[in-house]
Each structure stands twice: as structure tokens, then as C-alpha cells.
Amino acid sequence: MFFADTIAEMSKFMDSGGMVLWAIVILLFVMWTLIFERMWYLKTTVSIDVQGALASWSERKERKSKHAHQIREKLISEVSIEIDNNMMMIKTLVAVAPLFGLLGTVTGMITVFDVMAFTGGGDAKAMAGGVSKATIPTMSGMVAALSGVFGLTYIERIAEREKHLLEDHLMLEHK
């Protein structure tokens, strides 16, 4: 009973927001899928990449030359690229979410203006549907963006920590 009521309310909410709300839902799903993928990687697989870089560095006998310094930078760069994978896509989705909400605002207001054109502005009940289609996607886009900001901040903090730890562990010997 509870599940059926929840589905009915969600369906009513999605219908009141218009087609743009579905685009926001898809955007939110993709964004959080990428965020969870990065969390999974940073909690599990990054240690394998770091250990590989550390093993490669420890196999070197000479760690003082310019060539050794370049190899160290290469190892750090390779792991950093893996750590930063999909981060720009997440940032882009966070930035696009409010724009989708704005698109919903515009399409909802077009509905309001259509109702006003047909009824002469006297049918407040008919205009309320357009106002709903204008405000719900705006709110949804902002909520999607804010949730993405929190997730992105969390994974960026962990990613930076992992990169700094790798740099600290790949020590150069001084001449």
C-alpha cells in the first residue's frame, strides 16, 4: 500500500513538472552514478594504482637525476589522471542542472501565457498548472545541483588527499 501510494505521488509530481523534469531526473541519475563510481574507485581501486606506481618507483636504483625526476612526475601524472577520471563530467552535470531547471521555468511560463491568451487571463485554475510547471523544475534543478555539489566536494577532497599522499611517498633522493 505504501509503495503504491509513493509511486502514485511520484507520478503526480513528475506530471506536474512537465517533460523538463524527466530530463533533470536523467541528469541526476547520471551525475550520481558517476559520483558513486568515483567513490567506489577512491575507496577500493586507487590503492592498487598507487601501489603500482610505488612499486615502479622502488624498482629504480637511481633517483637523483633529472630523468628520475621526470619518471616520478610521469608516475604521479598517470595516477592523477585515473583519480580525476569523470570529475569534469560531474562538474559539468552539476553546472547544467540549474540550467535545466531554468528551461523548465521558461516552458512553464509559456504554458501560463498560452492559457492567458486563450482565456483572457481570467482562469486562475488553468494558469496554476503552468505556474507549477514553471516552479517545480526550477526547484528540482537547484536541488539536483546542490546534491551534486556535496558529492563532488566529498570526492574532490579524497582525490586531492590521494594525490598528495602519492607525491609524498615518491621521494627523490637529493644530490
Protein backbone atom coordinates (compact mmCIF):
# COMPACT_ATOMS: atom_id res chain seq x y z
CA MET A 1 0.00 0.00 0.00
CA PHE A 2 2.75 2.44 0.98
CA PHE A 3 4.77 1.58 -2.13
CA ALA A 4 1.77 2.11 -4.42
CA ASP A 5 0.97 5.45 -2.77
CA THR A 6 4.58 6.57 -3.12
CA ILE A 7 4.63 5.65 -6.81
CA ALA A 8 1.34 7.49 -7.36
CA GLU A 9 2.66 10.63 -5.65
CA MET A 10 5.91 10.49 -7.61
CA SER A 11 3.96 10.13 -10.85
CA LYS A 12 1.77 13.10 -9.94
CA PHE A 13 4.88 15.15 -9.09
CA MET A 14 6.58 14.23 -12.37
CA ASP A 15 3.44 15.10 -14.36
CA SER A 16 3.15 18.48 -12.64
CA GLY A 17 6.74 19.35 -13.59
CA GLY A 18 6.48 18.63 -17.29
CA MET A 19 8.95 16.98 -19.64
CA VAL A 20 11.92 19.00 -18.38
CA LEU A 21 11.58 17.30 -15.01
CA TRP A 22 12.27 13.95 -16.68
CA ALA A 23 15.45 15.40 -18.18
CA ILE A 24 16.50 16.56 -14.70
CA VAL A 25 15.84 13.07 -13.31
CA ILE A 26 18.01 11.52 -16.02
CA LEU A 27 20.73 14.11 -15.41
CA LEU A 28 20.57 13.43 -11.67
CA PHE A 29 20.80 9.67 -12.23
CA VAL A 30 23.86 10.00 -14.49
CA MET A 31 25.53 12.50 -12.15
CA TRP A 32 25.11 10.34 -9.06
CA THR A 33 26.12 7.21 -10.95
CA LEU A 34 29.41 8.93 -11.81
CA ILE A 35 29.81 10.22 -8.24
CA PHE A 36 29.27 6.73 -6.80
CA GLU A 37 31.69 5.29 -9.36
CA ARG A 38 34.37 7.76 -8.24
CA MET A 39 33.63 6.99 -4.58
CA TRP A 40 33.98 3.27 -5.30
CA TYR A 41 37.23 3.83 -7.16
CA LEU A 42 38.69 6.07 -4.46
CA LYS A 43 37.74 3.65 -1.69
CA THR A 44 38.89 0.45 -3.42
CA THR A 45 40.89 0.57 -6.65
CA VAL A 46 43.03 3.68 -6.18
CA SER A 47 45.25 1.80 -3.74
CA ILE A 48 46.12 -0.69 -6.49
CA ASP A 49 47.14 2.15 -8.83
CA VAL A 50 49.16 3.83 -6.07
CA GLN A 51 50.89 0.57 -5.15
CA GLY A 52 51.78 0.02 -8.81
CA ALA A 53 53.36 3.47 -9.01
CA LEU A 54 55.21 2.92 -5.74
CA ALA A 55 56.47 -0.47 -6.91
CA SER A 56 57.66 1.01 -10.19
CA TRP A 57 59.45 3.79 -8.32
CA SER A 58 61.04 1.46 -5.77
CA GLU A 59 62.46 -0.72 -8.57
CA ARG A 60 64.58 2.22 -9.71
CA LYS A 61 68.11 2.20 -8.41
CA GLU A 62 68.83 5.81 -9.28
CA ARG A 63 66.52 8.55 -8.00
CA LYS A 64 68.64 11.69 -8.22
CA SER A 65 68.87 12.63 -11.87
CA LYS A 66 66.61 14.79 -13.97
CA HIS A 67 65.48 11.65 -15.77
CA ALA A 68 64.41 10.10 -12.43
CA HIS A 69 62.52 13.30 -11.62
CA GLN A 70 60.68 13.07 -14.95
CA ILE A 71 59.78 9.42 -14.32
CA ARG A 72 58.45 10.38 -10.88
CA GLU A 73 56.32 13.12 -12.46
CA LYS A 74 55.07 10.62 -15.06
CA LEU A 75 54.02 8.13 -12.38
CA ILE A 76 52.24 10.84 -10.40
CA SER A 77 50.56 12.13 -13.55
CA GLU A 78 49.32 8.68 -14.61
CA VAL A 79 47.72 8.01 -11.23
CA SER A 80 46.31 11.56 -11.08
CA ILE A 81 44.64 11.08 -14.47
CA GLU A 82 42.97 7.91 -13.18
CA ILE A 83 41.93 9.66 -9.97
CA ASP A 84 40.45 12.62 -11.88
CA ASN A 85 38.62 10.45 -14.40
CA ASN A 86 34.98 11.63 -14.85
CA MET A 87 35.44 14.60 -12.50
CA MET A 88 34.94 17.14 -15.28
CA MET A 89 31.77 15.34 -16.39
CA ILE A 90 30.41 15.51 -12.84
CA LYS A 91 31.27 19.22 -12.63
CA THR A 92 29.52 19.80 -15.95
CA LEU A 93 26.39 17.97 -14.83
CA VAL A 94 26.33 19.98 -11.59
CA ALA A 95 26.54 23.19 -13.63
CA VAL A 96 23.89 22.09 -16.15
CA ALA A 97 21.27 21.02 -13.58
CA PRO A 98 20.13 24.58 -12.71
CA LEU A 99 20.03 25.40 -16.42
CA PHE A 100 17.61 22.53 -16.97
CA GLY A 101 15.55 24.00 -14.13
CA LEU A 102 15.58 27.35 -15.90
CA LEU A 103 14.44 25.63 -19.09
CA GLY A 104 11.53 24.23 -17.07
CA THR A 105 10.74 27.74 -15.85
CA VAL A 106 10.60 29.04 -19.39
CA THR A 107 8.43 26.19 -20.69
CA GLY A 108 6.08 26.53 -17.70
CA MET A 109 5.71 30.26 -18.28
CA ILE A 110 4.95 29.61 -21.94
CA THR A 111 2.10 27.39 -20.73
CA VAL A 112 0.86 30.22 -18.50
CA PHE A 113 0.96 32.68 -21.40
CA ASP A 114 -0.89 30.21 -23.63
CA VAL A 115 -3.65 29.88 -21.03
CA MET A 116 -3.82 33.67 -20.69
CA ALA A 117 -4.10 34.03 -24.46
CA PHE A 118 -6.98 31.56 -24.67
CA THR A 119 -8.90 32.61 -21.56
CA GLY A 120 -8.04 36.28 -21.42
CA GLY A 121 -6.27 35.84 -18.08
CA GLY A 122 -9.40 35.13 -16.07
CA ASP A 123 -8.92 31.41 -15.40
CA ALA A 124 -6.58 31.23 -12.40
CA LYS A 125 -7.03 27.47 -12.03
CA ALA A 126 -5.82 26.87 -15.59
CA MET A 127 -2.84 29.18 -15.08
CA ALA A 128 -1.86 27.34 -11.87
CA GLY A 129 -0.80 24.29 -13.92
CA GLY A 130 1.62 26.42 -15.90
CA VAL A 131 2.99 28.04 -12.76
CA SER A 132 3.52 24.58 -11.31
CA LYS A 133 5.35 23.54 -14.47
CA ALA A 134 7.50 26.64 -14.04
CA THR A 135 8.42 26.30 -10.36
CA ILE A 136 8.83 22.55 -9.86
CA PRO A 137 11.63 22.09 -12.45
CA THR A 138 13.39 25.19 -11.10
CA MET A 139 13.39 23.77 -7.61
CA SER A 140 14.37 20.31 -8.87
CA GLY A 141 17.28 21.67 -10.88
CA MET A 142 18.59 23.54 -7.85
CA VAL A 143 18.21 20.51 -5.56
CA ALA A 144 19.99 18.33 -8.13
CA ALA A 145 22.84 20.82 -8.39
CA LEU A 146 23.18 21.20 -4.62
CA SER A 147 23.25 17.45 -4.06
CA GLY A 148 25.90 17.17 -6.78
CA VAL A 149 27.98 19.91 -5.17
CA PHE A 150 28.06 17.97 -1.90
CA GLY A 151 29.01 14.72 -3.63
CA LEU A 152 31.60 16.43 -5.82
CA THR A 153 33.19 18.22 -2.85
CA TYR A 154 33.49 14.94 -1.00
CA ILE A 155 35.19 13.07 -3.84
CA GLU A 156 37.44 16.02 -4.75
CA ARG A 157 38.69 16.15 -1.17
CA ILE A 158 39.51 12.43 -1.18
CA ALA A 159 41.11 12.66 -4.64
CA GLU A 160 43.37 15.53 -3.61
CA ARG A 161 44.41 13.67 -0.47
CA GLU A 162 45.31 10.57 -2.51
CA LYS A 163 47.36 12.62 -4.98
CA HIS A 164 49.26 14.38 -2.18
CA LEU A 165 49.95 11.08 -0.42
CA LEU A 166 51.34 9.63 -3.65
CA GLU A 167 53.61 12.63 -4.13
CA ASP A 168 54.83 12.29 -0.57
CA HIS A 169 55.60 8.59 -0.99
CA LEU A 170 57.54 9.00 -4.24
CA MET A 171 60.56 10.69 -2.70
CA LEU A 172 63.52 11.95 -4.66
CA GLU A 173 66.98 11.43 -3.29
CA HIS A 174 68.95 14.66 -3.12
CA LYS A 175 72.37 15.03 -4.71
